[in-house]
Amino acid sequence: MSSDNAIRRQILQEYRRAYEASKEAPFLHTRQHLAERLQRSYEDLAPHVSFLEQNRYLHWKATDVFKISPKGLRAAHSEGDLAREFPD
């Protein structure tokens, strides 16, 4: 079973990939698409998405849609940055 921080790193990496792929409209992830991409259930991811939103890594955009924040972009800049932000 992955640690909480490992799951949070995966979520932020996925948001960073979406941002890098389409900077003009990068915030198209819904919780459902995130679950599909990470091959985890919504129930597994929801508390982590909520944690990241509450701690300003993700910003609420609309119902069940989030965007990565400047803090999230900095945290997800490199593997080292993510490891420092969310250590095992």
PDB file of N, CA and C in Angstrom:
ATOM      1  N   MET A   1       0.847  -1.190   0.000  1.00  0.00           N
ATOM      2  CA  MET A   1       0.000   0.000   0.000  1.00  0.00           C
ATOM      3  C   MET A   1       0.883   1.239   0.000  1.00  0.00           C
ATOM      4  N   SER A   2       0.580   2.170  -0.864  1.00  0.00           N
ATOM      5  CA  SER A   2       1.368   3.391  -0.967  1.00  0.00           C
ATOM      6  C   SER A   2       1.110   4.296   0.223  1.00  0.00           C
ATOM      7  N   SER A   3       2.137   5.033   0.578  1.00  0.00           N
ATOM      8  CA  SER A   3       1.972   5.999   1.654  1.00  0.00           C
ATOM      9  C   SER A   3       1.141   7.176   1.148  1.00  0.00           C
ATOM     10  N   ASP A   4       0.618   7.953   2.089  1.00  0.00           N
ATOM     11  CA  ASP A   4      -0.148   9.142   1.713  1.00  0.00           C
ATOM     12  C   ASP A   4       0.679  10.067   0.838  1.00  0.00           C
ATOM     13  N   ASN A   5       1.927  10.293   1.214  1.00  0.00           N
ATOM     14  CA  ASN A   5       2.763  11.209   0.442  1.00  0.00           C
ATOM     15  C   ASN A   5       3.062  10.677  -0.950  1.00  0.00           C
ATOM     16  N   ALA A   6       3.183   9.374  -1.101  1.00  0.00           N
ATOM     17  CA  ALA A   6       3.417   8.797  -2.427  1.00  0.00           C
ATOM     18  C   ALA A   6       2.214   9.055  -3.334  1.00  0.00           C
ATOM     19  N   ILE A   7       1.024   8.906  -2.810  1.00  0.00           N
ATOM     20  CA  ILE A   7      -0.192   9.173  -3.586  1.00  0.00           C
ATOM     21  C   ILE A   7      -0.258  10.654  -3.941  1.00  0.00           C
ATOM     22  N   ARG A   8       0.065  11.520  -2.995  1.00  0.00           N
ATOM     23  CA  ARG A   8       0.044  12.962  -3.260  1.00  0.00           C
ATOM     24  C   ARG A   8       1.060  13.338  -4.324  1.00  0.00           C
ATOM     25  N   ARG A   9       2.213  12.697  -4.312  1.00  0.00           N
ATOM     26  CA  ARG A   9       3.211  12.951  -5.355  1.00  0.00           C
ATOM     27  C   ARG A   9       2.671  12.533  -6.721  1.00  0.00           C
ATOM     28  N   GLN A  10       2.015  11.380  -6.785  1.00  0.00           N
ATOM     29  CA  GLN A  10       1.442  10.910  -8.053  1.00  0.00           C
ATOM     30  C   GLN A  10       0.398  11.896  -8.579  1.00  0.00           C
ATOM     31  N   ILE A  11      -0.455  12.373  -7.703  1.00  0.00           N
ATOM     32  CA  ILE A  11      -1.496  13.317  -8.106  1.00  0.00           C
ATOM     33  C   ILE A  11      -0.865  14.590  -8.656  1.00  0.00           C
ATOM     34  N   LEU A  12       0.100  15.149  -7.933  1.00  0.00           N
ATOM     35  CA  LEU A  12       0.733  16.385  -8.395  1.00  0.00           C
ATOM     36  C   LEU A  12       1.503  16.172  -9.690  1.00  0.00           C
ATOM     37  N   GLN A  13       2.134  15.012  -9.852  1.00  0.00           N
ATOM     38  CA  GLN A  13       2.831  14.721 -11.105  1.00  0.00           C
ATOM     39  C   GLN A  13       1.844  14.698 -12.274  1.00  0.00           C
ATOM     40  N   GLU A  14       0.670  14.133 -12.061  1.00  0.00           N
ATOM     41  CA  GLU A  14      -0.336  14.072 -13.120  1.00  0.00           C
ATOM     42  C   GLU A  14      -0.821  15.472 -13.479  1.00  0.00           C
ATOM     43  N   TYR A  15      -1.048  16.308 -12.477  1.00  0.00           N
ATOM     44  CA  TYR A  15      -1.444  17.688 -12.761  1.00  0.00           C
ATOM     45  C   TYR A  15      -0.326  18.440 -13.476  1.00  0.00           C
ATOM     46  N   ARG A  16       0.911  18.196 -13.102  1.00  0.00           N
ATOM     47  CA  ARG A  16       2.033  18.854 -13.767  1.00  0.00           C
ATOM     48  C   ARG A  16       2.110  18.420 -15.228  1.00  0.00           C
ATOM     49  N   ARG A  17       1.894  17.132 -15.495  1.00  0.00           N
ATOM     50  CA  ARG A  17       1.894  16.645 -16.882  1.00  0.00           C
ATOM     51  C   ARG A  17       0.800  17.333 -17.698  1.00  0.00           C
ATOM     52  N   ALA A  18      -0.371  17.497 -17.121  1.00  0.00           N
ATOM     53  CA  ALA A  18      -1.463  18.176 -17.823  1.00  0.00           C
ATOM     54  C   ALA A  18      -1.095  19.634 -18.084  1.00  0.00           C
ATOM     55  N   TYR A  19      -0.467  20.269 -17.116  1.00  0.00           N
ATOM     56  CA  TYR A  19      -0.039  21.655 -17.273  1.00  0.00           C
ATOM     57  C   TYR A  19       0.989  21.780 -18.395  1.00  0.00           C
ATOM     58  N   GLU A  20       1.986  20.915 -18.410  1.00  0.00           N
ATOM     59  CA  GLU A  20       3.037  20.960 -19.420  1.00  0.00           C
ATOM     60  C   GLU A  20       2.485  20.648 -20.816  1.00  0.00           C
ATOM     61  N   ALA A  21       1.497  19.779 -20.896  1.00  0.00           N
ATOM     62  CA  ALA A  21       0.933  19.384 -22.187  1.00  0.00           C
ATOM     63  C   ALA A  21       0.078  20.483 -22.803  1.00  0.00           C
ATOM     64  N   SER A  22      -0.530  21.323 -21.966  1.00  0.00           N
ATOM     65  CA  SER A  22      -1.459  22.331 -22.482  1.00  0.00           C
ATOM     66  C   SER A  22      -1.526  23.510 -21.521  1.00  0.00           C
ATOM     67  N   LYS A  23      -0.526  24.366 -21.582  1.00  0.00           N
ATOM     68  CA  LYS A  23      -0.451  25.485 -20.632  1.00  0.00           C
ATOM     69  C   LYS A  23      -1.588  26.483 -20.795  1.00  0.00           C
ATOM     70  N   GLU A  24      -2.135  26.618 -22.000  1.00  0.00           N
ATOM     71  CA  GLU A  24      -3.227  27.575 -22.193  1.00  0.00           C
ATOM     72  C   GLU A  24      -4.539  27.067 -21.595  1.00  0.00           C
ATOM     73  N   ALA A  25      -4.724  25.777 -21.498  1.00  0.00           N
ATOM     74  CA  ALA A  25      -5.947  25.206 -20.919  1.00  0.00           C
ATOM     75  C   ALA A  25      -5.599  23.907 -20.206  1.00  0.00           C
ATOM     76  N   PRO A  26      -4.794  23.981 -19.143  1.00  0.00           N
ATOM     77  CA  PRO A  26      -4.288  22.749 -18.537  1.00  0.00           C
ATOM     78  C   PRO A  26      -5.181  22.127 -17.479  1.00  0.00           C
ATOM     79  N   PHE A  27      -6.291  22.759 -17.158  1.00  0.00           N
ATOM     80  CA  PHE A  27      -7.020  22.352 -15.956  1.00  0.00           C
ATOM     81  C   PHE A  27      -8.250  21.534 -16.294  1.00  0.00           C
ATOM     82  N   LEU A  28      -8.076  20.543 -17.140  1.00  0.00           N
ATOM     83  CA  LEU A  28      -9.201  19.758 -17.610  1.00  0.00           C
ATOM     84  C   LEU A  28      -9.412  18.482 -16.814  1.00  0.00           C
ATOM     85  N   HIS A  29      -8.594  18.261 -15.801  1.00  0.00           N
ATOM     86  CA  HIS A  29      -8.737  17.052 -14.999  1.00  0.00           C
ATOM     87  C   HIS A  29      -9.968  17.143 -14.105  1.00  0.00           C
ATOM     88  N   THR A  30     -10.763  16.120 -14.150  1.00  0.00           N
ATOM     89  CA  THR A  30     -11.793  15.949 -13.142  1.00  0.00           C
ATOM     90  C   THR A  30     -11.316  14.835 -12.230  1.00  0.00           C
ATOM     91  N   ARG A  31     -11.933  14.714 -11.108  1.00  0.00           N
ATOM     92  CA  ARG A  31     -11.550  13.630 -10.201  1.00  0.00           C
ATOM     93  C   ARG A  31     -11.701  12.270 -10.871  1.00  0.00           C
ATOM     94  N   GLN A  32     -12.726  12.140 -11.719  1.00  0.00           N
ATOM     95  CA  GLN A  32     -12.940  10.865 -12.381  1.00  0.00           C
ATOM     96  C   GLN A  32     -11.801  10.560 -13.352  1.00  0.00           C
ATOM     97  N   HIS A  33     -11.376  11.536 -14.145  1.00  0.00           N
ATOM     98  CA  HIS A  33     -10.269  11.309 -15.073  1.00  0.00           C
ATOM     99  C   HIS A  33      -8.981  11.037 -14.323  1.00  0.00           C
ATOM    100  N   LEU A  34      -8.793  11.705 -13.203  1.00  0.00           N
ATOM    101  CA  LEU A  34      -7.598  11.473 -12.405  1.00  0.00           C
ATOM    102  C   LEU A  34      -7.577  10.025 -11.911  1.00  0.00           C
ATOM    103  N   ALA A  35      -8.725   9.531 -11.459  1.00  0.00           N
ATOM    104  CA  ALA A  35      -8.809   8.146 -10.984  1.00  0.00           C
ATOM    105  C   ALA A  35      -8.454   7.172 -12.104  1.00  0.00           C
ATOM    106  N   GLU A  36      -8.958   7.437 -13.313  1.00  0.00           N
ATOM    107  CA  GLU A  36      -8.647   6.574 -14.448  1.00  0.00           C
ATOM    108  C   GLU A  36      -7.158   6.608 -14.766  1.00  0.00           C
ATOM    109  N   ARG A  37      -6.583   7.792 -14.800  1.00  0.00           N
ATOM    110  CA  ARG A  37      -5.172   7.933 -15.165  1.00  0.00           C
ATOM    111  C   ARG A  37      -4.246   7.284 -14.136  1.00  0.00           C
ATOM    112  N   LEU A  38      -4.604   7.379 -12.860  1.00  0.00           N
ATOM    113  CA  LEU A  38      -3.761   6.814 -11.807  1.00  0.00           C
ATOM    114  C   LEU A  38      -4.165   5.389 -11.438  1.00  0.00           C
ATOM    115  N   GLN A  39      -5.219   4.884 -12.067  1.00  0.00           N
ATOM    116  CA  GLN A  39      -5.734   3.544 -11.830  1.00  0.00           C
ATOM    117  C   GLN A  39      -6.006   3.302 -10.346  1.00  0.00           C
ATOM    118  N   ARG A  40      -6.687   4.267  -9.762  1.00  0.00           N
ATOM    119  CA  ARG A  40      -7.117   4.176  -8.356  1.00  0.00           C
ATOM    120  C   ARG A  40      -8.576   4.587  -8.306  1.00  0.00           C
ATOM    121  N   SER A  41      -9.239   4.197  -7.254  1.00  0.00           N
ATOM    122  CA  SER A  41     -10.649   4.550  -7.123  1.00  0.00           C
ATOM    123  C   SER A  41     -10.793   6.005  -6.656  1.00  0.00           C
ATOM    124  N   TYR A  42     -11.938   6.566  -6.981  1.00  0.00           N
ATOM    125  CA  TYR A  42     -12.271   7.910  -6.522  1.00  0.00           C
ATOM    126  C   TYR A  42     -12.165   7.986  -4.995  1.00  0.00           C
ATOM    127  N   GLU A  43     -12.634   6.946  -4.318  1.00  0.00           N
ATOM    128  CA  GLU A  43     -12.611   6.923  -2.851  1.00  0.00           C
ATOM    129  C   GLU A  43     -11.189   6.993  -2.309  1.00  0.00           C
ATOM    130  N   ASP A  44     -10.235   6.369  -3.014  1.00  0.00           N
ATOM    131  CA  ASP A  44      -8.827   6.427  -2.599  1.00  0.00           C
ATOM    132  C   ASP A  44      -8.245   7.822  -2.784  1.00  0.00           C
ATOM    133  N   LEU A  45      -8.603   8.476  -3.885  1.00  0.00           N
ATOM    134  CA  LEU A  45      -7.985   9.753  -4.233  1.00  0.00           C
ATOM    135  C   LEU A  45      -8.635  10.962  -3.584  1.00  0.00           C
ATOM    136  N   ALA A  46      -9.930  10.914  -3.336  1.00  0.00           N
ATOM    137  CA  ALA A  46     -10.665  12.088  -2.860  1.00  0.00           C
ATOM    138  C   ALA A  46     -10.051  12.745  -1.620  1.00  0.00           C
ATOM    139  N   PRO A  47      -9.662  11.993  -0.576  1.00  0.00           N
ATOM    140  CA  PRO A  47      -9.090  12.684   0.588  1.00  0.00           C
ATOM    141  C   PRO A  47      -7.748  13.353   0.275  1.00  0.00           C
ATOM    142  N   HIS A  48      -6.993  12.797  -0.668  1.00  0.00           N
ATOM    143  CA  HIS A  48      -5.702  13.377  -1.022  1.00  0.00           C
ATOM    144  C   HIS A  48      -5.875  14.632  -1.871  1.00  0.00           C
ATOM    145  N   VAL A  49      -6.844  14.605  -2.797  1.00  0.00           N
ATOM    146  CA  VAL A  49      -7.148  15.792  -3.589  1.00  0.00           C
ATOM    147  C   VAL A  49      -7.630  16.895  -2.654  1.00  0.00           C
ATOM    148  N   SER A  50      -8.469  16.544  -1.691  1.00  0.00           N
ATOM    149  CA  SER A  50      -8.956  17.516  -0.716  1.00  0.00           C
ATOM    150  C   SER A  50      -7.800  18.103   0.094  1.00  0.00           C
ATOM    151  N   PHE A  51      -6.872  17.249   0.539  1.00  0.00           N
ATOM    152  CA  PHE A  51      -5.702  17.717   1.278  1.00  0.00           C
ATOM    153  C   PHE A  51      -4.881  18.695   0.435  1.00  0.00           C
ATOM    154  N   LEU A  52      -4.634  18.331  -0.825  1.00  0.00           N
ATOM    155  CA  LEU A  52      -3.833  19.188  -1.698  1.00  0.00           C
ATOM    156  C   LEU A  52      -4.536  20.510  -1.972  1.00  0.00           C
ATOM    157  N   GLU A  53      -5.850  20.479  -2.104  1.00  0.00           N
ATOM    158  CA  GLU A  53      -6.601  21.716  -2.321  1.00  0.00           C
ATOM    159  C   GLU A  53      -6.557  22.589  -1.070  1.00  0.00           C
ATOM    160  N   GLN A  54      -6.757  22.002   0.077  1.00  0.00           N
ATOM    161  CA  GLN A  54      -6.771  22.765   1.329  1.00  0.00           C
ATOM    162  C   GLN A  54      -5.410  23.344   1.666  1.00  0.00           C
ATOM    163  N   ASN A  55      -4.358  22.697   1.192  1.00  0.00           N
ATOM    164  CA  ASN A  55      -3.004  23.178   1.466  1.00  0.00           C
ATOM    165  C   ASN A  55      -2.407  23.951   0.294  1.00  0.00           C
ATOM    166  N   ARG A  56      -3.269  24.380  -0.632  1.00  0.00           N
ATOM    167  CA  ARG A  56      -2.909  25.293  -1.714  1.00  0.00           C
ATOM    168  C   ARG A  56      -2.011  24.711  -2.800  1.00  0.00           C
ATOM    169  N   TYR A  57      -1.978  23.388  -2.938  1.00  0.00           N
ATOM    170  CA  TYR A  57      -1.267  22.779  -4.061  1.00  0.00           C
ATOM    171  C   TYR A  57      -2.173  22.734  -5.288  1.00  0.00           C
ATOM    172  N   LEU A  58      -3.466  22.573  -5.049  1.00  0.00           N
ATOM    173  CA  LEU A  58      -4.479  22.609  -6.089  1.00  0.00           C
ATOM    174  C   LEU A  58      -5.494  23.673  -5.702  1.00  0.00           C
ATOM    175  N   HIS A  59      -6.093  24.288  -6.702  1.00  0.00           N
ATOM    176  CA  HIS A  59      -7.150  25.262  -6.465  1.00  0.00           C
ATOM    177  C   HIS A  59      -8.448  24.734  -7.018  1.00  0.00           C
ATOM    178  N   TRP A  60      -9.507  24.981  -6.288  1.00  0.00           N
ATOM    179  CA  TRP A  60     -10.827  24.576  -6.739  1.00  0.00           C
ATOM    180  C   TRP A  60     -11.211  25.453  -7.918  1.00  0.00           C
ATOM    181  N   LYS A  61     -11.681  24.849  -8.990  1.00  0.00           N
ATOM    182  CA  LYS A  61     -12.053  25.593 -10.193  1.00  0.00           C
ATOM    183  C   LYS A  61     -13.564  25.577 -10.406  1.00  0.00           C
ATOM    184  N   ALA A  62     -14.169  24.435 -10.292  1.00  0.00           N
ATOM    185  CA  ALA A  62     -15.615  24.257 -10.437  1.00  0.00           C
ATOM    186  C   ALA A  62     -15.925  22.904  -9.813  1.00  0.00           C
ATOM    187  N   THR A  63     -17.161  22.484  -9.885  1.00  0.00           N
ATOM    188  CA  THR A  63     -17.534  21.236  -9.240  1.00  0.00           C
ATOM    189  C   THR A  63     -16.630  20.095  -9.702  1.00  0.00           C
ATOM    190  N   ASP A  64     -15.891  19.536  -8.758  1.00  0.00           N
ATOM    191  CA  ASP A  64     -15.020  18.384  -9.008  1.00  0.00           C
ATOM    192  C   ASP A  64     -13.907  18.653 -10.020  1.00  0.00           C
ATOM    193  N   VAL A  65     -13.591  19.903 -10.310  1.00  0.00           N
ATOM    194  CA  VAL A  65     -12.498  20.226 -11.215  1.00  0.00           C
ATOM    195  C   VAL A  65     -11.494  21.091 -10.466  1.00  0.00           C
ATOM    196  N   PHE A  66     -10.227  20.735 -10.559  1.00  0.00           N
ATOM    197  CA  PHE A  66      -9.178  21.459  -9.854  1.00  0.00           C
ATOM    198  C   PHE A  66      -8.096  21.881 -10.827  1.00  0.00           C
ATOM    199  N   LYS A  67      -7.368  22.940 -10.470  1.00  0.00           N
ATOM    200  CA  LYS A  67      -6.197  23.339 -11.238  1.00  0.00           C
ATOM    201  C   LYS A  67      -4.991  23.358 -10.314  1.00  0.00           C
ATOM    202  N   ILE A  68      -3.834  23.129 -10.869  1.00  0.00           N
ATOM    203  CA  ILE A  68      -2.611  23.153 -10.081  1.00  0.00           C
ATOM    204  C   ILE A  68      -2.281  24.612  -9.773  1.00  0.00           C
ATOM    205  N   SER A  69      -1.851  24.875  -8.570  1.00  0.00           N
ATOM    206  CA  SER A  69      -1.554  26.235  -8.132  1.00  0.00           C
ATOM    207  C   SER A  69      -0.074  26.539  -8.333  1.00  0.00           C
ATOM    208  N   PRO A  70       0.326  27.810  -8.186  1.00  0.00           N
ATOM    209  CA  PRO A  70       1.760  28.119  -8.243  1.00  0.00           C
ATOM    210  C   PRO A  70       2.561  27.300  -7.227  1.00  0.00           C
ATOM    211  N   LYS A  71       2.010  27.107  -6.036  1.00  0.00           N
ATOM    212  CA  LYS A  71       2.697  26.281  -5.038  1.00  0.00           C
ATOM    213  C   LYS A  71       2.837  24.847  -5.541  1.00  0.00           C
ATOM    214  N   GLY A  72       1.784  24.329  -6.182  1.00  0.00           N
ATOM    215  CA  GLY A  72       1.834  22.981  -6.734  1.00  0.00           C
ATOM    216  C   GLY A  72       2.828  22.864  -7.870  1.00  0.00           C
ATOM    217  N   LEU A  73       2.913  23.911  -8.701  1.00  0.00           N
ATOM    218  CA  LEU A  73       3.893  23.901  -9.794  1.00  0.00           C
ATOM    219  C   LEU A  73       5.306  23.873  -9.246  1.00  0.00           C
ATOM    220  N   ARG A  74       5.566  24.669  -8.207  1.00  0.00           N
ATOM    221  CA  ARG A  74       6.909  24.677  -7.610  1.00  0.00           C
ATOM    222  C   ARG A  74       7.226  23.318  -6.994  1.00  0.00           C
ATOM    223  N   ALA A  75       6.245  22.742  -6.292  1.00  0.00           N
ATOM    224  CA  ALA A  75       6.464  21.450  -5.639  1.00  0.00           C
ATOM    225  C   ALA A  75       6.702  20.353  -6.662  1.00  0.00           C
ATOM    226  N   ALA A  76       6.072  20.469  -7.836  1.00  0.00           N
ATOM    227  CA  ALA A  76       6.153  19.429  -8.856  1.00  0.00           C
ATOM    228  C   ALA A  76       7.211  19.745  -9.920  1.00  0.00           C
ATOM    229  N   HIS A  77       8.072  20.715  -9.653  1.00  0.00           N
ATOM    230  CA  HIS A  77       9.073  21.122 -10.646  1.00  0.00           C
ATOM    231  C   HIS A  77      10.025  19.979 -10.994  1.00  0.00           C
ATOM    232  N   SER A  78      10.425  19.208 -10.004  1.00  0.00           N
ATOM    233  CA  SER A  78      11.320  18.071 -10.243  1.00  0.00           C
ATOM    234  C   SER A  78      10.995  16.974  -9.235  1.00  0.00           C
ATOM    235  N   GLU A  79      11.539  15.793  -9.497  1.00  0.00           N
ATOM    236  CA  GLU A  79      11.355  14.673  -8.564  1.00  0.00           C
ATOM    237  C   GLU A  79      11.912  15.038  -7.187  1.00  0.00           C
ATOM    238  N   GLY A  80      13.035  15.736  -7.163  1.00  0.00           N
ATOM    239  CA  GLY A  80      13.635  16.154  -5.897  1.00  0.00           C
ATOM    240  C   GLY A  80      12.756  17.108  -5.123  1.00  0.00           C
ATOM    241  N   ASP A  81      12.142  18.050  -5.834  1.00  0.00           N
ATOM    242  CA  ASP A  81      11.225  18.988  -5.182  1.00  0.00           C
ATOM    243  C   ASP A  81      10.046  18.253  -4.557  1.00  0.00           C
ATOM    244  N   LEU A  82       9.487  17.295  -5.310  1.00  0.00           N
ATOM    245  CA  LEU A  82       8.355  16.516  -4.776  1.00  0.00           C
ATOM    246  C   LEU A  82       8.776  15.693  -3.570  1.00  0.00           C
ATOM    247  N   ALA A  83       9.955  15.104  -3.632  1.00  0.00           N
ATOM    248  CA  ALA A  83      10.440  14.278  -2.513  1.00  0.00           C
ATOM    249  C   ALA A  83      10.660  15.131  -1.266  1.00  0.00           C
ATOM    250  N   ARG A  84      11.132  16.351  -1.446  1.00  0.00           N
ATOM    251  CA  ARG A  84      11.309  17.243  -0.290  1.00  0.00           C
ATOM    252  C   ARG A  84       9.966  17.682   0.281  1.00  0.00           C
ATOM    253  N   GLU A  85       9.019  17.937  -0.598  1.00  0.00           N
ATOM    254  CA  GLU A  85       7.708  18.413  -0.175  1.00  0.00           C
ATOM    255  C   GLU A  85       6.892  17.299   0.486  1.00  0.00           C
ATOM    256  N   PHE A  86       6.983  16.092  -0.063  1.00  0.00           N
ATOM    257  CA  PHE A  86       6.222  14.940   0.428  1.00  0.00           C
ATOM    258  C   PHE A  86       7.146  13.750   0.632  1.00  0.00           C
ATOM    259  N   PRO A  87       7.958  13.776   1.688  1.00  0.00           N
ATOM    260  CA  PRO A  87       8.904  12.674   1.922  1.00  0.00           C
ATOM    261  C   PRO A  87       8.195  11.395   2.348  1.00  0.00           C
ATOM    262  N   ASP A  88       8.829  10.259   2.058  1.00  0.00           N
ATOM    263  CA  ASP A  88       8.278   8.974   2.512  1.00  0.00           C
ATOM    264  C   ASP A  88       8.554   8.762   3.979  1.00  0.00           C
TER     265      ASP A  88
END
